Amino acid sequence: MSLQAEGLTLSEGREERGLPYDVWSQVVDEHGVLRLAPARRFFLPLTQEKLPLLMEVYEAWRDYHEYMVLAGSNRETGEKAFVAVKCSKRGNDIYARRMKERLDFLEQLSDVEFFDNVDFTKQAYARSNLLWVTLTWDSNFCSLDEAWRMSYYYLHKFKANLENRFGKVEWLVFPQPFPDREGKAFGYPHFHILLLFKEASFNAFPHMELDEDGKTVMRFRVREKREIEVQGKWHSFVDVQAISSPRKAAAYCKRYAMNECYGSGEKATLTCAVNWLYRKQGYSLTHHFREDLHEFIVSMQLRKTV
């Protein structure tokens, strides 16, 4: 390692982590360092058969620690000092800490049960502005590579279509590849979205159903699910839930941030690897989502008080 100038990146030496030489030689740059640009040339267009190898290459890149060297000088003596700071890389501990800090506002929300004053034995529905929507991707629609290249085009088209009928929408989005290696849609994108409708509300009702582990749970569904599907014009299956409290919203988001956006689990590795390859963000939120969600919760508290 050598210091050359302020702001240059220092890299730690490392071994090839058992990757075959014919693979390693294709994903490193002229300095022998694993980089995204050569990895994209090697893996694109992406196919399902390449996904396990992509995950290995991504892990090698993630675990290759790199440091930014910062230089400072004493104002009085002019003496210089250098500090090496570990760089944030998608999926590593620095990345995880920063994501937690940025999403910490969800934990700080005042909690209120939106439907706790509703007697569903006397009325069928309660009004809801906050929805948890999952958009899946049919593998018969297009190839895996085309799906990821077009994913955000269709995602934002879905949002624009909703706004054409229901008014302004703010959202927090988590993209994720389908994790089941045995499924036809393995690696295809789907989106988990916390949707806040500022000018529209929906009729929510309780529904007993089985979760992913086969346990019976109560979730809130909305009567207008079909209207949301038709208006959104999403090409594949759409799942819609009404959110019953800010704590529930935070739990959903925290679950996907922790399990799919960073860490060493298979789901997290697959998600980070594919998002890394296609240069997709681990999550995205609209500009006013944070403040509008806070205002919505305050209004719900006032409404309950009245």
C-alpha atoms as a PDB file:
ATOM      1  CA  MET A   1       0.000   0.000   0.000  1.00  0.00           C
ATOM      2  CA  SER A   2       1.179   3.482  -0.747  1.00  0.00           C
ATOM      3  CA  LEU A   3      -0.034   7.021  -0.105  1.00  0.00           C
ATOM      4  CA  GLN A   4      -0.174   9.076  -3.255  1.00  0.00           C
ATOM      5  CA  ALA A   5      -2.504  12.005  -2.653  1.00  0.00           C
ATOM      6  CA  GLU A   6      -5.450  13.157  -0.615  1.00  0.00           C
ATOM      7  CA  GLY A   7      -8.690  11.288  -1.311  1.00  0.00           C
ATOM      8  CA  LEU A   8      -7.123   8.284  -3.056  1.00  0.00           C
ATOM      9  CA  THR A   9      -8.431   4.835  -2.139  1.00  0.00           C
ATOM     10  CA  LEU A  10      -6.241   2.345  -0.321  1.00  0.00           C
ATOM     11  CA  SER A  11      -6.951  -1.340  -0.906  1.00  0.00           C
ATOM     12  CA  GLU A  12      -5.987  -4.309   1.197  1.00  0.00           C
ATOM     13  CA  GLY A  13      -4.414  -7.255  -0.579  1.00  0.00           C
ATOM     14  CA  ARG A  14      -6.498 -10.414  -0.754  1.00  0.00           C
ATOM     15  CA  GLU A  15      -6.656 -13.817  -2.384  1.00  0.00           C
ATOM     16  CA  GLU A  16      -9.073 -14.980  -5.046  1.00  0.00           C
ATOM     17  CA  ARG A  17     -11.487 -16.704  -2.577  1.00  0.00           C
ATOM     18  CA  GLY A  18     -11.384 -19.911  -4.604  1.00  0.00           C
ATOM     19  CA  LEU A  19     -12.854 -18.418  -7.798  1.00  0.00           C
ATOM     20  CA  PRO A  20     -11.623 -20.193 -10.962  1.00  0.00           C
ATOM     21  CA  TYR A  21      -8.835 -18.324 -12.711  1.00  0.00           C
ATOM     22  CA  ASP A  22     -10.827 -18.037 -15.948  1.00  0.00           C
ATOM     23  CA  VAL A  23     -13.542 -16.224 -13.967  1.00  0.00           C
ATOM     24  CA  TRP A  24     -11.219 -14.127 -11.804  1.00  0.00           C
ATOM     25  CA  SER A  25      -9.248 -12.912 -14.817  1.00  0.00           C
ATOM     26  CA  GLN A  26     -12.479 -11.645 -16.414  1.00  0.00           C
ATOM     27  CA  VAL A  27     -13.788  -9.614 -13.461  1.00  0.00           C
ATOM     28  CA  VAL A  28     -10.659  -7.700 -12.397  1.00  0.00           C
ATOM     29  CA  ASP A  29      -9.253  -4.491 -13.853  1.00  0.00           C
ATOM     30  CA  GLU A  30      -5.745  -3.823 -15.169  1.00  0.00           C
ATOM     31  CA  HIS A  31      -4.480  -3.620 -11.565  1.00  0.00           C
ATOM     32  CA  GLY A  32      -5.874  -7.033 -10.655  1.00  0.00           C
ATOM     33  CA  VAL A  33      -8.663  -5.541  -8.492  1.00  0.00           C
ATOM     34  CA  LEU A  34     -12.219  -6.863  -8.738  1.00  0.00           C
ATOM     35  CA  ARG A  35     -14.396  -4.100 -10.158  1.00  0.00           C
ATOM     36  CA  LEU A  36     -17.982  -3.671 -11.388  1.00  0.00           C
ATOM     37  CA  ALA A  37     -17.189  -2.611 -14.966  1.00  0.00           C
ATOM     38  CA  PRO A  38     -15.381  -5.851 -15.948  1.00  0.00           C
ATOM     39  CA  ALA A  39     -17.951  -7.865 -13.957  1.00  0.00           C
ATOM     40  CA  ARG A  40     -20.729  -6.314 -16.057  1.00  0.00           C
ATOM     41  CA  ARG A  41     -18.899  -7.190 -19.255  1.00  0.00           C
ATOM     42  CA  PHE A  42     -18.555 -10.782 -18.034  1.00  0.00           C
ATOM     43  CA  PHE A  43     -22.089 -11.371 -16.658  1.00  0.00           C
ATOM     44  CA  LEU A  44     -24.342  -9.301 -18.929  1.00  0.00           C
ATOM     45  CA  PRO A  45     -26.751 -10.250 -20.319  1.00  0.00           C
ATOM     46  CA  LEU A  46     -27.625 -12.020 -17.076  1.00  0.00           C
ATOM     47  CA  THR A  47     -29.276 -15.455 -17.098  1.00  0.00           C
ATOM     48  CA  GLN A  48     -30.512 -17.621 -14.241  1.00  0.00           C
ATOM     49  CA  GLU A  49     -27.617 -20.049 -14.744  1.00  0.00           C
ATOM     50  CA  LYS A  50     -25.146 -17.250 -13.976  1.00  0.00           C
ATOM     51  CA  LEU A  51     -26.741 -16.185 -10.690  1.00  0.00           C
ATOM     52  CA  PRO A  52     -24.839 -18.532  -8.302  1.00  0.00           C
ATOM     53  CA  LEU A  53     -21.501 -17.479  -9.797  1.00  0.00           C
ATOM     54  CA  LEU A  54     -22.531 -13.821  -9.698  1.00  0.00           C
ATOM     55  CA  MET A  55     -23.206 -14.184  -5.968  1.00  0.00           C
ATOM     56  CA  GLU A  56     -19.696 -15.587  -5.415  1.00  0.00           C
ATOM     57  CA  VAL A  57     -18.079 -12.761  -7.373  1.00  0.00           C
ATOM     58  CA  TYR A  58     -20.131 -10.167  -5.534  1.00  0.00           C
ATOM     59  CA  GLU A  59     -19.093 -11.628  -2.151  1.00  0.00           C
ATOM     60  CA  ALA A  60     -15.452 -11.443  -3.211  1.00  0.00           C
ATOM     61  CA  TRP A  61     -15.911  -7.760  -4.123  1.00  0.00           C
ATOM     62  CA  ARG A  62     -17.871  -6.975  -0.929  1.00  0.00           C
ATOM     63  CA  ASP A  63     -15.315  -8.618   1.364  1.00  0.00           C
ATOM     64  CA  TYR A  64     -12.369  -6.874  -0.295  1.00  0.00           C
ATOM     65  CA  HIS A  65     -11.942  -4.059   2.238  1.00  0.00           C
ATOM     66  CA  GLU A  66     -11.001  -0.671   0.842  1.00  0.00           C
ATOM     67  CA  TYR A  67     -10.103   2.521   2.666  1.00  0.00           C
ATOM     68  CA  MET A  68     -10.272   6.191   1.857  1.00  0.00           C
ATOM     69  CA  VAL A  69      -7.225   8.104   3.072  1.00  0.00           C
ATOM     70  CA  LEU A  70      -7.983  11.585   4.411  1.00  0.00           C
ATOM     71  CA  ALA A  71      -5.211  14.095   5.043  1.00  0.00           C
ATOM     72  CA  GLY A  72      -5.346  17.015   7.479  1.00  0.00           C
ATOM     73  CA  SER A  73      -2.898  19.598   8.762  1.00  0.00           C
ATOM     74  CA  ASN A  74      -2.520  21.443  12.035  1.00  0.00           C
ATOM     75  CA  ARG A  75      -3.521  25.101  11.593  1.00  0.00           C
ATOM     76  CA  GLU A  76      -0.724  26.354  13.815  1.00  0.00           C
ATOM     77  CA  THR A  77       2.184  24.015  13.161  1.00  0.00           C
ATOM     78  CA  GLY A  78       1.336  22.808   9.663  1.00  0.00           C
ATOM     79  CA  GLU A  79       1.993  19.231  10.761  1.00  0.00           C
ATOM     80  CA  LYS A  80       0.146  16.718   8.575  1.00  0.00           C
ATOM     81  CA  ALA A  81      -1.783  13.656   9.712  1.00  0.00           C
ATOM     82  CA  PHE A  82      -3.490  10.898   7.758  1.00  0.00           C
ATOM     83  CA  VAL A  83      -6.576   8.882   8.663  1.00  0.00           C
ATOM     84  CA  ALA A  84      -7.776   5.767   6.795  1.00  0.00           C
ATOM     85  CA  VAL A  85     -11.566   5.328   6.771  1.00  0.00           C
ATOM     86  CA  LYS A  86     -13.196   2.091   5.661  1.00  0.00           C
ATOM     87  CA  CYS A  87     -15.303   2.592   2.529  1.00  0.00           C
ATOM     88  CA  SER A  88     -18.979   1.778   2.329  1.00  0.00           C
ATOM     89  CA  LYS A  89     -19.575  -1.043  -0.154  1.00  0.00           C
ATOM     90  CA  ARG A  90     -22.992  -2.451  -0.925  1.00  0.00           C
ATOM     91  CA  GLY A  91     -23.775  -5.080   1.706  1.00  0.00           C
ATOM     92  CA  ASN A  92     -20.837  -4.508   4.084  1.00  0.00           C
ATOM     93  CA  ASP A  93     -21.025  -3.287   7.693  1.00  0.00           C
ATOM     94  CA  ILE A  94     -20.541   0.407   6.813  1.00  0.00           C
ATOM     95  CA  TYR A  95     -23.305   0.215   4.218  1.00  0.00           C
ATOM     96  CA  ALA A  96     -25.566  -1.478   6.785  1.00  0.00           C
ATOM     97  CA  ARG A  97     -24.913   1.204   9.405  1.00  0.00           C
ATOM     98  CA  ARG A  98     -25.645   4.019   6.973  1.00  0.00           C
ATOM     99  CA  MET A  99     -28.860   2.383   5.802  1.00  0.00           C
ATOM    100  CA  LYS A 100     -30.009   1.958   9.404  1.00  0.00           C
ATOM    101  CA  GLU A 101     -29.316   5.632  10.058  1.00  0.00           C
ATOM    102  CA  ARG A 102     -31.225   6.756   6.965  1.00  0.00           C
ATOM    103  CA  LEU A 103     -34.247   4.608   7.762  1.00  0.00           C
ATOM    104  CA  ASP A 104     -34.148   5.382  11.471  1.00  0.00           C
ATOM    105  CA  PHE A 105     -37.006   7.872  11.027  1.00  0.00           C
ATOM    106  CA  LEU A 106     -39.366   4.876  10.776  1.00  0.00           C
ATOM    107  CA  GLU A 107     -38.433   3.838  14.312  1.00  0.00           C
ATOM    108  CA  GLN A 108     -39.000   7.388  15.569  1.00  0.00           C
ATOM    109  CA  LEU A 109     -42.586   7.665  14.307  1.00  0.00           C
ATOM    110  CA  SER A 110     -45.278   8.206  16.900  1.00  0.00           C
ATOM    111  CA  ASP A 111     -47.254   5.003  17.131  1.00  0.00           C
ATOM    112  CA  VAL A 112     -50.998   4.886  16.707  1.00  0.00           C
ATOM    113  CA  GLU A 113     -53.301   1.985  15.865  1.00  0.00           C
ATOM    114  CA  PHE A 114     -55.276   3.165  12.858  1.00  0.00           C
ATOM    115  CA  PHE A 115     -58.158   0.721  13.266  1.00  0.00           C
ATOM    116  CA  ASP A 116     -58.325   0.150  17.035  1.00  0.00           C
ATOM    117  CA  ASN A 117     -61.462   2.290  17.397  1.00  0.00           C
ATOM    118  CA  VAL A 118     -63.237   0.402  14.605  1.00  0.00           C
ATOM    119  CA  ASP A 119     -65.664  -2.377  15.537  1.00  0.00           C
ATOM    120  CA  PHE A 120     -65.597  -4.658  12.518  1.00  0.00           C
ATOM    121  CA  THR A 121     -68.569  -6.592  13.895  1.00  0.00           C
ATOM    122  CA  LYS A 122     -70.679  -3.463  13.339  1.00  0.00           C
ATOM    123  CA  GLN A 123     -69.046  -1.954  10.275  1.00  0.00           C
ATOM    124  CA  ALA A 124     -67.477  -3.731   7.349  1.00  0.00           C
ATOM    125  CA  TYR A 125     -64.635  -1.363   6.525  1.00  0.00           C
ATOM    126  CA  ALA A 126     -62.237   1.253   7.885  1.00  0.00           C
ATOM    127  CA  ARG A 127     -60.557   3.962   5.838  1.00  0.00           C
ATOM    128  CA  SER A 128     -56.868   3.498   5.023  1.00  0.00           C
ATOM    129  CA  ASN A 129     -54.324   5.692   3.190  1.00  0.00           C
ATOM    130  CA  LEU A 130     -51.234   3.599   3.891  1.00  0.00           C
ATOM    131  CA  LEU A 131     -50.712   0.380   1.902  1.00  0.00           C
ATOM    132  CA  TRP A 132     -48.015  -2.288   1.629  1.00  0.00           C
ATOM    133  CA  VAL A 133     -47.864  -3.415  -2.004  1.00  0.00           C
ATOM    134  CA  THR A 134     -45.803  -6.214  -3.538  1.00  0.00           C
ATOM    135  CA  LEU A 135     -45.309  -6.252  -7.307  1.00  0.00           C
ATOM    136  CA  THR A 136     -44.109  -9.597  -8.663  1.00  0.00           C
ATOM    137  CA  TRP A 137     -42.694 -10.334 -12.121  1.00  0.00           C
ATOM    138  CA  ASP A 138     -43.943 -13.114 -14.388  1.00  0.00           C
ATOM    139  CA  SER A 139     -40.918 -14.901 -15.865  1.00  0.00           C
ATOM    140  CA  ASN A 140     -42.897 -15.510 -19.077  1.00  0.00           C
ATOM    141  CA  PHE A 141     -43.103 -11.763 -19.683  1.00  0.00           C
ATOM    142  CA  CYS A 142     -39.489 -11.346 -20.814  1.00  0.00           C
ATOM    143  CA  SER A 143     -35.928 -12.540 -20.200  1.00  0.00           C
ATOM    144  CA  LEU A 144     -34.179 -12.025 -16.853  1.00  0.00           C
ATOM    145  CA  ASP A 145     -31.857  -9.392 -18.301  1.00  0.00           C
ATOM    146  CA  GLU A 146     -34.710  -7.472 -19.936  1.00  0.00           C
ATOM    147  CA  ALA A 147     -36.692  -7.630 -16.701  1.00  0.00           C
ATOM    148  CA  TRP A 148     -33.977  -5.867 -14.698  1.00  0.00           C
ATOM    149  CA  ARG A 149     -33.230  -3.338 -17.433  1.00  0.00           C
ATOM    150  CA  MET A 150     -36.921  -2.397 -17.703  1.00  0.00           C
ATOM    151  CA  SER A 151     -37.851  -2.846 -14.040  1.00  0.00           C
ATOM    152  CA  TYR A 152     -37.765   0.793 -12.941  1.00  0.00           C
ATOM    153  CA  TYR A 153     -39.473   1.968 -16.117  1.00  0.00           C
ATOM    154  CA  TYR A 154     -42.471  -0.242 -15.297  1.00  0.00           C
ATOM    155  CA  LEU A 155     -42.260   0.623 -11.596  1.00  0.00           C
ATOM    156  CA  HIS A 156     -42.520   4.364 -12.191  1.00  0.00           C
ATOM    157  CA  LYS A 157     -45.178   3.796 -14.830  1.00  0.00           C
ATOM    158  CA  PHE A 158     -47.195   1.948 -12.163  1.00  0.00           C
ATOM    159  CA  LYS A 159     -46.889   4.936  -9.817  1.00  0.00           C
ATOM    160  CA  ALA A 160     -47.823   7.426 -12.541  1.00  0.00           C
ATOM    161  CA  ASN A 161     -50.886   5.363 -13.456  1.00  0.00           C
ATOM    162  CA  LEU A 162     -52.044   5.333  -9.823  1.00  0.00           C
ATOM    163  CA  GLU A 163     -51.574   9.100  -9.524  1.00  0.00           C
ATOM    164  CA  ASN A 164     -53.683   9.675 -12.641  1.00  0.00           C
ATOM    165  CA  ARG A 165     -56.704   8.423 -10.708  1.00  0.00           C
ATOM    166  CA  PHE A 166     -55.934   8.557  -6.985  1.00  0.00           C
ATOM    167  CA  GLY A 167     -53.854  11.727  -6.767  1.00  0.00           C
ATOM    168  CA  LYS A 168     -50.371  12.269  -5.325  1.00  0.00           C
ATOM    169  CA  VAL A 169     -48.546   9.210  -3.991  1.00  0.00           C
ATOM    170  CA  GLU A 170     -45.380   9.050  -1.864  1.00  0.00           C
ATOM    171  CA  TRP A 171     -43.496   5.785  -1.449  1.00  0.00           C
ATOM    172  CA  LEU A 172     -40.597   3.813  -0.033  1.00  0.00           C
ATOM    173  CA  VAL A 173     -39.448   0.981  -2.336  1.00  0.00           C
ATOM    174  CA  PHE A 174     -37.293  -2.111  -1.794  1.00  0.00           C
ATOM    175  CA  PRO A 175     -36.315  -4.045  -4.956  1.00  0.00           C
ATOM    176  CA  GLN A 176     -35.548  -7.754  -4.566  1.00  0.00           C
ATOM    177  CA  PRO A 177     -34.789 -10.695  -6.879  1.00  0.00           C
ATOM    178  CA  PHE A 178     -37.077 -13.691  -6.398  1.00  0.00           C
ATOM    179  CA  PRO A 179     -35.009 -15.956  -4.085  1.00  0.00           C
ATOM    180  CA  ASP A 180     -36.364 -19.450  -4.790  1.00  0.00           C
ATOM    181  CA  ARG A 181     -33.693 -21.324  -6.777  1.00  0.00           C
ATOM    182  CA  GLU A 182     -36.253 -23.941  -7.822  1.00  0.00           C
ATOM    183  CA  GLY A 183     -38.836 -21.410  -9.019  1.00  0.00           C
ATOM    184  CA  LYS A 184     -39.292 -20.331 -12.624  1.00  0.00           C
ATOM    185  CA  ALA A 185     -38.929 -16.704 -11.550  1.00  0.00           C
ATOM    186  CA  PHE A 186     -35.586 -17.196  -9.742  1.00  0.00           C
ATOM    187  CA  GLY A 187     -33.707 -13.891  -9.895  1.00  0.00           C
ATOM    188  CA  TYR A 188     -36.547 -11.919 -11.471  1.00  0.00           C
ATOM    189  CA  PRO A 189     -37.302  -8.550  -9.837  1.00  0.00           C
ATOM    190  CA  HIS A 190     -40.148  -7.845  -7.510  1.00  0.00           C
ATOM    191  CA  PHE A 191     -40.815  -4.770  -5.422  1.00  0.00           C
ATOM    192  CA  HIS A 192     -41.989  -4.259  -1.845  1.00  0.00           C
ATOM    193  CA  ILE A 193     -43.539  -0.805  -1.532  1.00  0.00           C
ATOM    194  CA  LEU A 194     -44.876   1.277   1.340  1.00  0.00           C
ATOM    195  CA  LEU A 195     -47.419   3.520  -0.427  1.00  0.00           C
ATOM    196  CA  LEU A 196     -48.890   6.662   1.116  1.00  0.00           C
ATOM    197  CA  PHE A 197     -51.891   8.073  -0.755  1.00  0.00           C
ATOM    198  CA  LYS A 198     -52.234  11.773   0.035  1.00  0.00           C
ATOM    199  CA  GLU A 199     -55.575  12.387  -1.722  1.00  0.00           C
ATOM    200  CA  ALA A 200     -57.323   9.017  -1.614  1.00  0.00           C
ATOM    201  CA  SER A 201     -58.220   6.345   0.922  1.00  0.00           C
ATOM    202  CA  PHE A 202     -59.424   2.765   0.685  1.00  0.00           C
ATOM    203  CA  ASN A 203     -61.796   0.432   2.497  1.00  0.00           C
ATOM    204  CA  ALA A 204     -59.762  -1.915   4.701  1.00  0.00           C
ATOM    205  CA  PHE A 205     -61.098  -5.063   6.344  1.00  0.00           C
ATOM    206  CA  PRO A 206     -59.519  -7.817   8.514  1.00  0.00           C
ATOM    207  CA  HIS A 207     -58.737 -11.140   6.855  1.00  0.00           C
ATOM    208  CA  MET A 208     -57.414 -14.348   8.420  1.00  0.00           C
ATOM    209  CA  GLU A 209     -54.851 -16.114   6.232  1.00  0.00           C
ATOM    210  CA  LEU A 210     -51.703 -18.227   6.270  1.00  0.00           C
ATOM    211  CA  ASP A 211     -48.273 -16.564   6.253  1.00  0.00           C
ATOM    212  CA  GLU A 212     -45.087 -17.864   4.587  1.00  0.00           C
ATOM    213  CA  ASP A 213     -44.471 -20.246   7.509  1.00  0.00           C
ATOM    214  CA  GLY A 214     -47.973 -21.703   7.425  1.00  0.00           C
ATOM    215  CA  LYS A 215     -49.128 -19.826  10.536  1.00  0.00           C
ATOM    216  CA  THR A 216     -52.568 -18.242  10.697  1.00  0.00           C
ATOM    217  CA  VAL A 217     -52.313 -14.449  10.920  1.00  0.00           C
ATOM    218  CA  MET A 218     -54.707 -11.544  10.576  1.00  0.00           C
ATOM    219  CA  ARG A 219     -53.938  -9.059   7.844  1.00  0.00           C
ATOM    220  CA  PHE A 220     -55.890  -6.109   6.534  1.00  0.00           C
ATOM    221  CA  ARG A 221     -56.933  -6.193   2.898  1.00  0.00           C
ATOM    222  CA  VAL A 222     -58.690  -3.509   0.843  1.00  0.00           C
ATOM    223  CA  ARG A 223     -61.931  -3.793  -1.081  1.00  0.00           C
ATOM    224  CA  GLU A 224     -60.466  -1.780  -3.978  1.00  0.00           C
ATOM    225  CA  LYS A 225     -57.612  -4.212  -4.726  1.00  0.00           C
ATOM    226  CA  ARG A 226     -58.921  -4.900  -8.213  1.00  0.00           C
ATOM    227  CA  GLU A 227     -59.244  -1.177  -8.926  1.00  0.00           C
ATOM    228  CA  ILE A 228     -55.613  -0.658  -7.852  1.00  0.00           C
ATOM    229  CA  GLU A 229     -54.495  -3.511 -10.112  1.00  0.00           C
ATOM    230  CA  VAL A 230     -56.419  -2.240 -13.131  1.00  0.00           C
ATOM    231  CA  GLN A 231     -55.378   1.379 -12.691  1.00  0.00           C
ATOM    232  CA  GLY A 232     -51.726   0.544 -12.016  1.00  0.00           C
ATOM    233  CA  LYS A 233     -51.571  -1.608 -15.185  1.00  0.00           C
ATOM    234  CA  TRP A 234     -48.836  -3.785 -13.685  1.00  0.00           C
ATOM    235  CA  HIS A 235     -48.148  -6.735 -15.969  1.00  0.00           C
ATOM    236  CA  SER A 236     -47.939  -9.437 -13.261  1.00  0.00           C
ATOM    237  CA  PHE A 237     -49.420 -10.317  -9.872  1.00  0.00           C
ATOM    238  CA  VAL A 238     -50.048  -7.542  -7.333  1.00  0.00           C
ATOM    239  CA  ASP A 239     -50.490  -8.091  -3.584  1.00  0.00           C
ATOM    240  CA  VAL A 240     -52.049  -5.321  -1.471  1.00  0.00           C
ATOM    241  CA  GLN A 241     -52.294  -4.963   2.306  1.00  0.00           C
ATOM    242  CA  ALA A 242     -53.538  -2.077   4.423  1.00  0.00           C
ATOM    243  CA  ILE A 243     -51.098  -1.021   7.154  1.00  0.00           C
ATOM    244  CA  SER A 244     -52.671  -0.900  10.595  1.00  0.00           C
ATOM    245  CA  SER A 245     -50.013   1.184  12.408  1.00  0.00           C
ATOM    246  CA  PRO A 246     -46.666   2.992  11.959  1.00  0.00           C
ATOM    247  CA  ARG A 247     -45.059   0.221  14.033  1.00  0.00           C
ATOM    248  CA  LYS A 248     -46.314  -2.305  11.486  1.00  0.00           C
ATOM    249  CA  ALA A 249     -44.944  -0.209   8.628  1.00  0.00           C
ATOM    250  CA  ALA A 250     -41.550   0.044  10.357  1.00  0.00           C
ATOM    251  CA  ALA A 251     -41.521  -3.713  10.962  1.00  0.00           C
ATOM    252  CA  TYR A 252     -42.137  -4.480   7.287  1.00  0.00           C
ATOM    253  CA  CYS A 253     -39.442  -2.052   6.128  1.00  0.00           C
ATOM    254  CA  LYS A 254     -36.937  -3.172   8.756  1.00  0.00           C
ATOM    255  CA  ARG A 255     -37.498  -6.789   7.777  1.00  0.00           C
ATOM    256  CA  TYR A 256     -36.636  -6.156   4.143  1.00  0.00           C
ATOM    257  CA  ALA A 257     -33.795  -3.759   4.906  1.00  0.00           C
ATOM    258  CA  MET A 258     -32.119  -6.228   7.295  1.00  0.00           C
ATOM    259  CA  ASN A 259     -32.798  -9.473   5.431  1.00  0.00           C
ATOM    260  CA  GLU A 260     -32.455  -8.381   1.825  1.00  0.00           C
ATOM    261  CA  CYS A 261     -30.292  -5.252   1.660  1.00  0.00           C
ATOM    262  CA  TYR A 262     -27.202  -6.312   3.615  1.00  0.00           C
ATOM    263  CA  GLY A 263     -25.704  -9.225   5.490  1.00  0.00           C
ATOM    264  CA  SER A 264     -24.370 -12.661   4.587  1.00  0.00           C
ATOM    265  CA  GLY A 265     -27.665 -14.547   4.194  1.00  0.00           C
ATOM    266  CA  GLU A 266     -28.498 -16.017   0.803  1.00  0.00           C
ATOM    267  CA  LYS A 267     -31.406 -13.614   0.172  1.00  0.00           C
ATOM    268  CA  ALA A 268     -29.278 -10.604   1.039  1.00  0.00           C
ATOM    269  CA  THR A 269     -26.386 -11.846  -1.085  1.00  0.00           C
ATOM    270  CA  LEU A 270     -28.636 -12.446  -4.093  1.00  0.00           C
ATOM    271  CA  THR A 271     -30.347  -9.060  -3.705  1.00  0.00           C
ATOM    272  CA  CYS A 272     -27.113  -7.127  -3.325  1.00  0.00           C
ATOM    273  CA  ALA A 273     -25.402  -9.038  -6.137  1.00  0.00           C
ATOM    274  CA  VAL A 274     -28.109  -8.341  -8.713  1.00  0.00           C
ATOM    275  CA  ASN A 275     -28.621  -4.718  -7.621  1.00  0.00           C
ATOM    276  CA  TRP A 276     -24.837  -4.250  -7.765  1.00  0.00           C
ATOM    277  CA  LEU A 277     -24.642  -5.672 -11.272  1.00  0.00           C
ATOM    278  CA  TYR A 278     -27.478  -3.467 -12.572  1.00  0.00           C
ATOM    279  CA  ARG A 279     -26.517  -0.427 -10.479  1.00  0.00           C
ATOM    280  CA  LYS A 280     -29.863  -0.369  -8.640  1.00  0.00           C
ATOM    281  CA  GLN A 281     -30.333   1.283  -5.259  1.00  0.00           C
ATOM    282  CA  GLY A 282     -30.976  -0.937  -2.259  1.00  0.00           C
ATOM    283  CA  TYR A 283     -34.053   1.193  -1.555  1.00  0.00           C
ATOM    284  CA  SER A 284     -35.543   4.444  -2.783  1.00  0.00           C
ATOM    285  CA  LEU A 285     -38.035   6.903  -1.380  1.00  0.00           C
ATOM    286  CA  THR A 286     -39.745   9.932  -2.819  1.00  0.00           C
ATOM    287  CA  HIS A 287     -38.641  13.387  -1.743  1.00  0.00           C
ATOM    288  CA  HIS A 288     -41.561  14.148   0.588  1.00  0.00           C
ATOM    289  CA  PHE A 289     -42.239  10.642   1.877  1.00  0.00           C
ATOM    290  CA  ARG A 290     -40.726  11.199   5.318  1.00  0.00           C
ATOM    291  CA  GLU A 291     -42.479  14.474   6.162  1.00  0.00           C
ATOM    292  CA  ASP A 292     -45.797  13.430   4.604  1.00  0.00           C
ATOM    293  CA  LEU A 293     -45.814  10.159   6.548  1.00  0.00           C
ATOM    294  CA  HIS A 294     -45.213  12.107   9.768  1.00  0.00           C
ATOM    295  CA  GLU A 295     -48.056  14.527   8.934  1.00  0.00           C
ATOM    296  CA  PHE A 296     -50.365  11.630   8.119  1.00  0.00           C
ATOM    297  CA  ILE A 297     -49.697   9.981  11.495  1.00  0.00           C
ATOM    298  CA  VAL A 298     -50.248  13.262  13.350  1.00  0.00           C
ATOM    299  CA  SER A 299     -53.565  13.734  11.532  1.00  0.00           C
ATOM    300  CA  MET A 300     -54.601  10.201  12.496  1.00  0.00           C
ATOM    301  CA  GLN A 301     -53.814  10.942  16.149  1.00  0.00           C
ATOM    302  CA  LEU A 302     -55.908  14.108  16.026  1.00  0.00           C
ATOM    303  CA  ARG A 303     -58.740  12.281  14.284  1.00  0.00           C
ATOM    304  CA  LYS A 304     -58.751   9.589  16.981  1.00  0.00           C
ATOM    305  CA  THR A 305     -58.755  12.249  19.714  1.00  0.00           C
ATOM    306  CA  VAL A 306     -61.715  14.050  18.160  1.00  0.00           C
END
